[in-house]
C-alpha atoms as a PDB file:
ATOM      1  CA  MET A   1      -0.747  18.372   9.761  1.00  0.00           C
ATOM      2  CA  HIS A   2      -1.984  18.048   6.182  1.00  0.00           C
ATOM      3  CA  GLY A   3       0.847  15.767   5.028  1.00  0.00           C
ATOM      4  CA  TYR A   4       0.256  14.707   1.418  1.00  0.00           C
ATOM      5  CA  ILE A   5      -2.976  16.743   1.178  1.00  0.00           C
ATOM      6  CA  PRO A   6      -2.782  20.246  -0.384  1.00  0.00           C
ATOM      7  CA  PRO A   7      -3.420  22.617   2.555  1.00  0.00           C
ATOM      8  CA  GLU A   8      -6.165  24.504   0.714  1.00  0.00           C
ATOM      9  CA  ARG A   9      -8.006  21.182   0.302  1.00  0.00           C
ATOM     10  CA  PHE A  10      -7.625  19.987   3.920  1.00  0.00           C
ATOM     11  CA  PHE A  11     -11.019  20.063   5.644  1.00  0.00           C
ATOM     12  CA  PRO A  12      -9.734  20.620   9.214  1.00  0.00           C
ATOM     13  CA  TYR A  13      -8.050  23.865   8.144  1.00  0.00           C
ATOM     14  CA  LEU A  14     -11.464  25.405   7.427  1.00  0.00           C
ATOM     15  CA  THR A  15     -13.344  27.449  10.023  1.00  0.00           C
ATOM     16  CA  TRP A  16     -16.953  26.863  11.015  1.00  0.00           C
ATOM     17  CA  THR A  17     -17.916  30.228   9.542  1.00  0.00           C
ATOM     18  CA  THR A  18     -16.293  29.286   6.216  1.00  0.00           C
ATOM     19  CA  ILE A  19     -18.276  26.055   6.206  1.00  0.00           C
ATOM     20  CA  GLN A  20     -21.502  27.820   7.159  1.00  0.00           C
ATOM     21  CA  ALA A  21     -21.101  30.250   4.245  1.00  0.00           C
ATOM     22  CA  MET A  22     -19.943  27.649   1.731  1.00  0.00           C
ATOM     23  CA  PRO A  23     -22.073  27.778  -1.440  1.00  0.00           C
ATOM     24  CA  ASP A  24     -23.713  24.705  -2.976  1.00  0.00           C
ATOM     25  CA  LYS A  25     -22.796  22.376  -0.113  1.00  0.00           C
ATOM     26  CA  ASP A  26     -24.998  19.708  -1.696  1.00  0.00           C
ATOM     27  CA  ASN A  27     -22.278  19.160  -4.295  1.00  0.00           C
ATOM     28  CA  VAL A  28     -19.128  19.728  -2.257  1.00  0.00           C
ATOM     29  CA  VAL A  29     -17.190  16.446  -2.333  1.00  0.00           C
ATOM     30  CA  LEU A  30     -15.758  15.334   1.002  1.00  0.00           C
ATOM     31  CA  ILE A  31     -13.179  12.552   0.879  1.00  0.00           C
ATOM     32  CA  GLN A  32     -12.384  10.271   3.812  1.00  0.00           C
ATOM     33  CA  PRO A  33      -9.090   8.391   3.308  1.00  0.00           C
ATOM     34  CA  ILE A  34      -9.111   5.125   5.249  1.00  0.00           C
ATOM     35  CA  GLY A  35      -6.238   2.752   5.864  1.00  0.00           C
ATOM     36  CA  ALA A  36      -4.977   0.404   8.556  1.00  0.00           C
ATOM     37  CA  ILE A  37      -2.099  -0.103  10.947  1.00  0.00           C
ATOM     38  CA  GLU A  38      -1.130  -3.691  10.268  1.00  0.00           C
ATOM     39  CA  GLN A  39       1.834  -5.880   9.443  1.00  0.00           C
ATOM     40  CA  HIS A  40       3.144  -5.792   5.888  1.00  0.00           C
ATOM     41  CA  GLY A  41       5.905  -8.341   6.098  1.00  0.00           C
ATOM     42  CA  PRO A  42       9.419  -7.767   7.464  1.00  0.00           C
ATOM     43  CA  HIS A  43      10.280  -5.063   4.931  1.00  0.00           C
ATOM     44  CA  LEU A  44       7.366  -2.596   4.997  1.00  0.00           C
ATOM     45  CA  PRO A  45       6.062  -0.352   7.811  1.00  0.00           C
ATOM     46  CA  LEU A  46       2.677  -0.865   9.416  1.00  0.00           C
ATOM     47  CA  ILE A  47       1.282   2.303   7.810  1.00  0.00           C
ATOM     48  CA  VAL A  48       1.214   1.049   4.196  1.00  0.00           C
ATOM     49  CA  ASP A  49      -2.551   1.161   3.544  1.00  0.00           C
ATOM     50  CA  ALA A  50      -3.066   4.532   5.229  1.00  0.00           C
ATOM     51  CA  ALA A  51      -0.037   5.997   3.441  1.00  0.00           C
ATOM     52  CA  ILE A  52      -1.267   4.845   0.032  1.00  0.00           C
ATOM     53  CA  SER A  53      -4.847   6.069   0.457  1.00  0.00           C
ATOM     54  CA  THR A  54      -3.676   9.436   1.804  1.00  0.00           C
ATOM     55  CA  ALA A  55      -1.025   9.958  -0.859  1.00  0.00           C
ATOM     56  CA  VAL A  56      -3.392   9.051  -3.687  1.00  0.00           C
ATOM     57  CA  VAL A  57      -6.040  11.445  -2.353  1.00  0.00           C
ATOM     58  CA  GLY A  58      -3.431  14.176  -1.967  1.00  0.00           C
ATOM     59  CA  ARG A  59      -2.059  13.750  -5.470  1.00  0.00           C
ATOM     60  CA  THR A  60      -5.607  13.660  -6.831  1.00  0.00           C
ATOM     61  CA  LEU A  61      -6.606  16.898  -5.130  1.00  0.00           C
ATOM     62  CA  SER A  62      -3.445  18.621  -6.353  1.00  0.00           C
ATOM     63  CA  LYS A  63      -4.455  17.769  -9.928  1.00  0.00           C
ATOM     64  CA  LEU A  64      -8.191  18.404  -9.617  1.00  0.00           C
ATOM     65  CA  ASP A  65      -9.752  21.417 -11.326  1.00  0.00           C
ATOM     66  CA  GLU A  66      -9.798  24.295  -8.839  1.00  0.00           C
ATOM     67  CA  GLU A  67     -13.444  24.941  -9.716  1.00  0.00           C
ATOM     68  CA  ILE A  68     -14.507  21.608  -8.208  1.00  0.00           C
ATOM     69  CA  PRO A  69     -15.042  21.996  -4.436  1.00  0.00           C
ATOM     70  CA  ALA A  70     -13.466  18.935  -2.828  1.00  0.00           C
ATOM     71  CA  TYR A  71     -11.784  18.490   0.546  1.00  0.00           C
ATOM     72  CA  ALA A  72      -9.979  15.672   2.325  1.00  0.00           C
ATOM     73  CA  LEU A  73     -10.861  14.725   5.884  1.00  0.00           C
ATOM     74  CA  PRO A  74      -8.106  13.525   8.236  1.00  0.00           C
ATOM     75  CA  THR A  75      -7.076   9.976   7.401  1.00  0.00           C
ATOM     76  CA  LEU A  76      -8.575   7.226   9.527  1.00  0.00           C
ATOM     77  CA  HIS A  77      -5.434   5.198  10.151  1.00  0.00           C
ATOM     78  CA  TYR A  78      -6.974   2.322  12.099  1.00  0.00           C
ATOM     79  CA  GLY A  79      -9.149  -0.272  10.386  1.00  0.00           C
ATOM     80  CA  LYS A  80     -10.510  -3.777  10.757  1.00  0.00           C
ATOM     81  CA  SER A  81      -7.291  -5.776  10.507  1.00  0.00           C
ATOM     82  CA  ASN A  82      -7.973  -8.878  12.578  1.00  0.00           C
ATOM     83  CA  GLU A  83      -6.801 -11.165   9.770  1.00  0.00           C
ATOM     84  CA  HIS A  84      -3.293  -9.905  10.632  1.00  0.00           C
ATOM     85  CA  TRP A  85      -3.495  -9.877  14.422  1.00  0.00           C
ATOM     86  CA  HIS A  86      -1.201 -12.875  14.883  1.00  0.00           C
ATOM     87  CA  PHE A  87       1.643 -10.580  13.764  1.00  0.00           C
ATOM     88  CA  PRO A  88       2.978  -8.111  16.378  1.00  0.00           C
ATOM     89  CA  GLY A  89       2.250  -4.437  15.773  1.00  0.00           C
ATOM     90  CA  THR A  90      -1.105  -4.883  14.095  1.00  0.00           C
ATOM     91  CA  ILE A  91      -3.806  -2.674  15.614  1.00  0.00           C
ATOM     92  CA  THR A  92      -7.358  -3.616  14.774  1.00  0.00           C
ATOM     93  CA  LEU A  93     -10.810  -2.222  15.362  1.00  0.00           C
ATOM     94  CA  SER A  94     -13.799  -4.529  15.473  1.00  0.00           C
ATOM     95  CA  ALA A  95     -16.214  -4.381  12.572  1.00  0.00           C
ATOM     96  CA  GLN A  96     -18.822  -2.785  14.842  1.00  0.00           C
ATOM     97  CA  THR A  97     -16.402  -0.120  16.085  1.00  0.00           C
ATOM     98  CA  LEU A  98     -15.411   0.834  12.547  1.00  0.00           C
ATOM     99  CA  ILE A  99     -19.062   0.929  11.468  1.00  0.00           C
ATOM    100  CA  THR A 100     -19.936   3.149  14.433  1.00  0.00           C
ATOM    101  CA  MET A 101     -17.047   5.541  13.781  1.00  0.00           C
ATOM    102  CA  LEU A 102     -17.856   5.965  10.100  1.00  0.00           C
ATOM    103  CA  MET A 103     -21.594   6.306  10.741  1.00  0.00           C
ATOM    104  CA  GLU A 104     -20.920   9.096  13.248  1.00  0.00           C
ATOM    105  CA  VAL A 105     -18.482  10.859  10.896  1.00  0.00           C
ATOM    106  CA  GLY A 106     -21.146  10.702   8.194  1.00  0.00           C
ATOM    107  CA  GLU A 107     -23.869  11.959  10.525  1.00  0.00           C
ATOM    108  CA  SER A 108     -21.666  14.902  11.576  1.00  0.00           C
ATOM    109  CA  LEU A 109     -20.997  15.913   7.988  1.00  0.00           C
ATOM    110  CA  TYR A 110     -24.658  15.572   7.043  1.00  0.00           C
ATOM    111  CA  ARG A 111     -25.601  17.774   9.990  1.00  0.00           C
ATOM    112  CA  SER A 112     -23.193  20.420   8.649  1.00  0.00           C
ATOM    113  CA  GLY A 113     -25.058  20.466   5.349  1.00  0.00           C
ATOM    114  CA  PHE A 114     -22.857  18.252   3.168  1.00  0.00           C
ATOM    115  CA  ARG A 115     -24.444  15.674   0.898  1.00  0.00           C
ATOM    116  CA  LYS A 116     -21.537  13.901  -0.845  1.00  0.00           C
ATOM    117  CA  LEU A 117     -19.070  11.698   1.048  1.00  0.00           C
ATOM    118  CA  VAL A 118     -16.460   9.425  -0.521  1.00  0.00           C
ATOM    119  CA  PHE A 119     -14.643   6.683   1.373  1.00  0.00           C
ATOM    120  CA  VAL A 120     -11.235   6.062  -0.263  1.00  0.00           C
ATOM    121  CA  ASN A 121     -10.146   2.838   1.385  1.00  0.00           C
ATOM    122  CA  GLY A 122      -6.636   1.400   1.081  1.00  0.00           C
ATOM    123  CA  HIS A 123      -7.109  -1.810   3.096  1.00  0.00           C
ATOM    124  CA  GLY A 124      -8.426  -4.917   1.371  1.00  0.00           C
ATOM    125  CA  GLY A 125      -9.934  -6.323   4.563  1.00  0.00           C
ATOM    126  CA  GLN A 126     -12.780  -3.849   4.967  1.00  0.00           C
ATOM    127  CA  PRO A 127     -14.634  -2.936   1.727  1.00  0.00           C
ATOM    128  CA  GLN A 128     -17.734  -4.794   2.909  1.00  0.00           C
ATOM    129  CA  ILE A 129     -17.910  -2.652   6.045  1.00  0.00           C
ATOM    130  CA  LEU A 130     -17.778   0.547   4.025  1.00  0.00           C
ATOM    131  CA  GLU A 131     -20.545  -0.731   1.767  1.00  0.00           C
ATOM    132  CA  ILE A 132     -22.750  -1.391   4.820  1.00  0.00           C
ATOM    133  CA  VAL A 133     -22.068   2.103   6.214  1.00  0.00           C
ATOM    134  CA  ALA A 134     -22.742   3.788   2.873  1.00  0.00           C
ATOM    135  CA  ARG A 135     -26.036   1.961   2.430  1.00  0.00           C
ATOM    136  CA  ASP A 136     -27.153   2.670   5.997  1.00  0.00           C
ATOM    137  CA  LEU A 137     -26.295   6.386   5.787  1.00  0.00           C
ATOM    138  CA  HIS A 138     -28.186   6.723   2.523  1.00  0.00           C
ATOM    139  CA  GLN A 139     -31.141   4.720   3.828  1.00  0.00           C
ATOM    140  CA  LYS A 140     -31.353   7.058   6.819  1.00  0.00           C
ATOM    141  CA  HIS A 141     -30.873  10.247   4.777  1.00  0.00           C
ATOM    142  CA  GLU A 142     -32.207   9.798   1.256  1.00  0.00           C
ATOM    143  CA  ASP A 143     -30.408  12.891  -0.055  1.00  0.00           C
ATOM    144  CA  PHE A 144     -27.024  11.745   1.307  1.00  0.00           C
ATOM    145  CA  MET A 145     -24.852  10.380  -1.517  1.00  0.00           C
ATOM    146  CA  VAL A 146     -22.152   8.086  -0.098  1.00  0.00           C
ATOM    147  CA  PHE A 147     -19.529   6.301  -2.183  1.00  0.00           C
ATOM    148  CA  PRO A 148     -17.712   3.281  -0.649  1.00  0.00           C
ATOM    149  CA  CYS A 149     -14.619   3.005  -2.854  1.00  0.00           C
ATOM    150  CA  PHE A 150     -11.377   1.006  -2.902  1.00  0.00           C
ATOM    151  CA  VAL A 151      -8.334   3.102  -3.799  1.00  0.00           C
ATOM    152  CA  TRP A 152      -7.188   0.560  -6.414  1.00  0.00           C
ATOM    153  CA  ASN A 153     -10.515   0.344  -8.278  1.00  0.00           C
ATOM    154  CA  VAL A 154     -10.042   3.304 -10.609  1.00  0.00           C
ATOM    155  CA  PRO A 155      -8.297   2.746 -13.956  1.00  0.00           C
ATOM    156  CA  ASN A 156      -4.544   2.436 -13.358  1.00  0.00           C
ATOM    157  CA  ILE A 157      -1.465   0.760 -14.819  1.00  0.00           C
ATOM    158  CA  ALA A 158      -0.442  -1.420 -11.868  1.00  0.00           C
ATOM    159  CA  LEU A 159      -1.397  -4.744 -13.469  1.00  0.00           C
ATOM    160  CA  GLU A 160       0.609  -3.856 -16.598  1.00  0.00           C
ATOM    161  CA  LEU A 161       3.758  -3.683 -14.457  1.00  0.00           C
ATOM    162  CA  LEU A 162       3.274  -7.018 -12.634  1.00  0.00           C
ATOM    163  CA  THR A 163       3.924 -10.617 -13.642  1.00  0.00           C
ATOM    164  CA  PRO A 164       0.777 -12.698 -14.244  1.00  0.00           C
ATOM    165  CA  LYS A 165       1.367 -14.616 -11.006  1.00  0.00           C
ATOM    166  CA  GLU A 166       1.830 -11.413  -9.019  1.00  0.00           C
ATOM    167  CA  ALA A 167      -1.246  -9.848 -10.609  1.00  0.00           C
ATOM    168  CA  GLU A 168      -3.301 -12.862  -9.468  1.00  0.00           C
ATOM    169  CA  LEU A 169      -1.805 -13.632  -6.052  1.00  0.00           C
ATOM    170  CA  GLY A 170       0.207 -10.593  -4.927  1.00  0.00           C
ATOM    171  CA  ILE A 171      -2.423  -9.226  -2.583  1.00  0.00           C
ATOM    172  CA  HIS A 172      -0.353  -8.058   0.403  1.00  0.00           C
ATOM    173  CA  ALA A 173       3.085  -6.423   0.680  1.00  0.00           C
ATOM    174  CA  GLY A 174       3.985  -7.547  -2.830  1.00  0.00           C
ATOM    175  CA  ASP A 175       5.369  -5.716  -5.845  1.00  0.00           C
ATOM    176  CA  ALA A 176       2.728  -2.982  -6.195  1.00  0.00           C
ATOM    177  CA  GLU A 177       2.542  -1.934  -2.540  1.00  0.00           C
ATOM    178  CA  THR A 178       6.293  -2.121  -2.091  1.00  0.00           C
ATOM    179  CA  SER A 179       6.882  -0.048  -5.235  1.00  0.00           C
ATOM    180  CA  LEU A 180       4.481   2.606  -3.962  1.00  0.00           C
ATOM    181  CA  LEU A 181       6.208   2.736  -0.576  1.00  0.00           C
ATOM    182  CA  LEU A 182       9.615   3.017  -2.294  1.00  0.00           C
ATOM    183  CA  SER A 183       8.154   6.076  -4.025  1.00  0.00           C
ATOM    184  CA  LEU A 184       6.404   7.557  -0.981  1.00  0.00           C
ATOM    185  CA  LEU A 185       8.464   6.547   2.058  1.00  0.00           C
ATOM    186  CA  PRO A 186      11.771   5.116   0.782  1.00  0.00           C
ATOM    187  CA  ASP A 187      13.554   5.566   4.112  1.00  0.00           C
ATOM    188  CA  GLN A 188      10.975   3.318   5.799  1.00  0.00           C
ATOM    189  CA  VAL A 189      11.375   0.373   3.390  1.00  0.00           C
ATOM    190  CA  ARG A 190      13.856  -2.372   4.337  1.00  0.00           C
ATOM    191  CA  MET A 191      14.451  -4.108   1.039  1.00  0.00           C
ATOM    192  CA  GLN A 192      17.292  -6.121   2.582  1.00  0.00           C
ATOM    193  CA  ASP A 193      14.623  -7.940   4.615  1.00  0.00           C
ATOM    194  CA  ALA A 194      12.149  -8.464   1.772  1.00  0.00           C
ATOM    195  CA  VAL A 195      11.026 -12.006   0.995  1.00  0.00           C
ATOM    196  CA  ALA A 196       8.670 -13.426  -1.603  1.00  0.00           C
ATOM    197  CA  GLU A 197       5.963 -15.802  -0.448  1.00  0.00           C
ATOM    198  CA  TYR A 198       2.862 -17.084  -2.198  1.00  0.00           C
ATOM    199  CA  PRO A 199       0.100 -19.219  -0.653  1.00  0.00           C
ATOM    200  CA  ALA A 200      -0.187 -22.908  -1.462  1.00  0.00           C
ATOM    201  CA  GLU A 201      -2.133 -23.474  -4.667  1.00  0.00           C
ATOM    202  CA  LEU A 202      -5.651 -24.823  -4.510  1.00  0.00           C
ATOM    203  CA  PRO A 203      -6.406 -28.120  -6.297  1.00  0.00           C
ATOM    204  CA  GLN A 204      -6.386 -27.761 -10.074  1.00  0.00           C
ATOM    205  CA  GLY A 205      -9.862 -26.991 -11.391  1.00  0.00           C
ATOM    206  CA  SER A 206     -11.191 -25.714  -8.085  1.00  0.00           C
ATOM    207  CA  LEU A 207     -13.728 -22.912  -8.323  1.00  0.00           C
ATOM    208  CA  LEU A 208     -12.602 -21.526  -4.975  1.00  0.00           C
ATOM    209  CA  SER A 209     -10.127 -18.668  -4.555  1.00  0.00           C
ATOM    210  CA  ILE A 210      -8.509 -16.499  -1.892  1.00  0.00           C
ATOM    211  CA  GLU A 211     -10.325 -13.423  -3.156  1.00  0.00           C
ATOM    212  CA  GLY A 212     -12.845 -13.908  -5.930  1.00  0.00           C
ATOM    213  CA  LYS A 213     -16.367 -15.006  -6.688  1.00  0.00           C
ATOM    214  CA  LEU A 214     -16.174 -18.049  -4.391  1.00  0.00           C
ATOM    215  CA  PRO A 215     -13.749 -17.112  -1.598  1.00  0.00           C
ATOM    216  CA  PHE A 216     -13.031 -18.868   1.678  1.00  0.00           C
ATOM    217  CA  ALA A 217     -12.368 -17.250   5.054  1.00  0.00           C
ATOM    218  CA  TRP A 218      -8.705 -16.992   6.001  1.00  0.00           C
ATOM    219  CA  THR A 219      -6.284 -15.239   8.290  1.00  0.00           C
ATOM    220  CA  THR A 220      -2.876 -14.196   7.031  1.00  0.00           C
ATOM    221  CA  ARG A 221      -0.961 -16.873   8.905  1.00  0.00           C
ATOM    222  CA  ASP A 222      -3.011 -19.503   7.041  1.00  0.00           C
ATOM    223  CA  LEU A 223      -1.401 -18.267   3.831  1.00  0.00           C
ATOM    224  CA  SER A 224       1.999 -16.894   4.813  1.00  0.00           C
ATOM    225  CA  ARG A 225       4.662 -17.305   7.490  1.00  0.00           C
ATOM    226  CA  SER A 226       6.333 -13.978   6.669  1.00  0.00           C
ATOM    227  CA  GLY A 227       3.160 -11.901   6.388  1.00  0.00           C
ATOM    228  CA  VAL A 228       3.906 -11.306   2.702  1.00  0.00           C
ATOM    229  CA  ILE A 229       1.508 -12.596   0.054  1.00  0.00           C
ATOM    230  CA  GLY A 230       3.329 -11.784  -3.165  1.00  0.00           C
ATOM    231  CA  ASP A 231       6.774 -10.910  -4.468  1.00  0.00           C
ATOM    232  CA  PRO A 232       8.254  -7.575  -3.374  1.00  0.00           C
ATOM    233  CA  LEU A 233      11.727  -8.397  -4.701  1.00  0.00           C
ATOM    234  CA  THR A 234      11.000  -6.874  -8.118  1.00  0.00           C
ATOM    235  CA  ALA A 235       9.618  -3.609  -6.713  1.00  0.00           C
ATOM    236  CA  THR A 236      11.171  -0.288  -7.743  1.00  0.00           C
ATOM    237  CA  ALA A 237      10.549   3.360  -6.930  1.00  0.00           C
ATOM    238  CA  GLU A 238      10.142   4.066 -10.652  1.00  0.00           C
ATOM    239  CA  LYS A 239       7.228   1.616 -10.798  1.00  0.00           C
ATOM    240  CA  GLY A 240       5.805   3.238  -7.691  1.00  0.00           C
ATOM    241  CA  ASP A 241       5.979   6.693  -9.277  1.00  0.00           C
ATOM    242  CA  ARG A 242       4.104   5.427 -12.320  1.00  0.00           C
ATOM    243  CA  ILE A 243       1.455   3.608 -10.281  1.00  0.00           C
ATOM    244  CA  LEU A 244       0.858   6.663  -8.088  1.00  0.00           C
ATOM    245  CA  ALA A 245       0.501   8.955 -11.102  1.00  0.00           C
ATOM    246  CA  SER A 246      -1.966   6.606 -12.800  1.00  0.00           C
ATOM    247  CA  LEU A 247      -4.043   6.117  -9.639  1.00  0.00           C
ATOM    248  CA  ALA A 248      -4.281   9.892  -9.208  1.00  0.00           C
ATOM    249  CA  GLU A 249      -5.329  10.308 -12.826  1.00  0.00           C
ATOM    250  CA  GLY A 250      -8.079   7.721 -12.349  1.00  0.00           C
ATOM    251  CA  TRP A 251      -9.252   9.379  -9.159  1.00  0.00           C
ATOM    252  CA  VAL A 252      -9.402  12.814 -10.770  1.00  0.00           C
ATOM    253  CA  GLN A 253     -11.935  11.378 -13.197  1.00  0.00           C
ATOM    254  CA  ALA A 254     -13.810   9.661 -10.356  1.00  0.00           C
ATOM    255  CA  ILE A 255     -14.078  12.864  -8.290  1.00  0.00           C
ATOM    256  CA  GLN A 256     -15.278  14.756 -11.358  1.00  0.00           C
ATOM    257  CA  ASP A 257     -17.977  12.112 -11.834  1.00  0.00           C
ATOM    258  CA  ILE A 258     -18.980  12.283  -8.164  1.00  0.00           C
ATOM    259  CA  TYR A 259     -19.183  16.085  -8.298  1.00  0.00           C
ATOM    260  CA  ARG A 260     -21.636  15.836 -11.225  1.00  0.00           C
ATOM    261  CA  PHE A 261     -23.532  12.849  -9.799  1.00  0.00           C
ATOM    262  CA  GLN A 262     -27.157  13.112  -8.691  1.00  0.00           C
ATOM    263  CA  GLN A 263     -28.892  10.286  -6.850  1.00  0.00           C
ATOM    264  CA  PRO A 264     -31.229   8.367  -9.185  1.00  0.00           C
ATOM    265  CA  LYS A 265     -34.907   8.352  -8.187  1.00  0.00           C
ATOM    266  CA  SER A 266     -37.638   6.196  -9.651  1.00  0.00           C
ATOM    267  CA  TRP A 267     -40.248   7.545  -7.223  1.00  0.00           C
ATOM    268  CA  LYS A 268     -41.831  10.891  -6.468  1.00  0.00           C
ATOM    269  CA  SER A 269     -42.317  12.392  -3.042  1.00  0.00           C
ATOM    270  CA  PRO A 270     -46.008  12.584  -2.005  1.00  0.00           C
END
């Protein structure tokens, strides 16, 4: 059941009595991997985002200092994926459903005495939702430290391995994701069906972008007929191995920082 997660770090394998007796629960780090079940072109399986977030968390926990108490929750495989729903196989939750689920997970963990929760999200379509949930949980419980994080936002070498065009526009089922899946689930990758497809370029000099400071709303079929936004044809398992190792290294540092983190306060209780 634990999959990529080291069994001794898998939260559901604990008993309630173990959790009740756990020392220093204020600083135990609980990690919620979050992904999606959505199309990733004709060559990748629907599970890409969930597989990446789970594998990165698992590799991170296998490298983390044993003295740091950190556990992975079961991966939330479904996400808000309605930008992909024109492609068969995509399963999407509404924004409100995802917010409700994560709020109730957070409330349950808080009730059990935990005070540090990390969302490690692998799907680019839902960071804003996780930020809303994190803020609302902390606003409700001022001693609850919640971290809404994107799996790719730790230091890593992915951009060093991509062409400049891919680094800018390869946002879905391109080189990086395909390389990771060739490393993690090679039997589920159909490279014979892989195609490269980039969206039409915006007018030269435009301040707008697909994802950036001045984005516009889009669904995937606005940008791509294949469901691919990028170039998977240059992907290799060796690149995937290197990206996975560097992501795990970055996340080890992040979890160490979260373990030591204390919520800033500029006010004093009356």
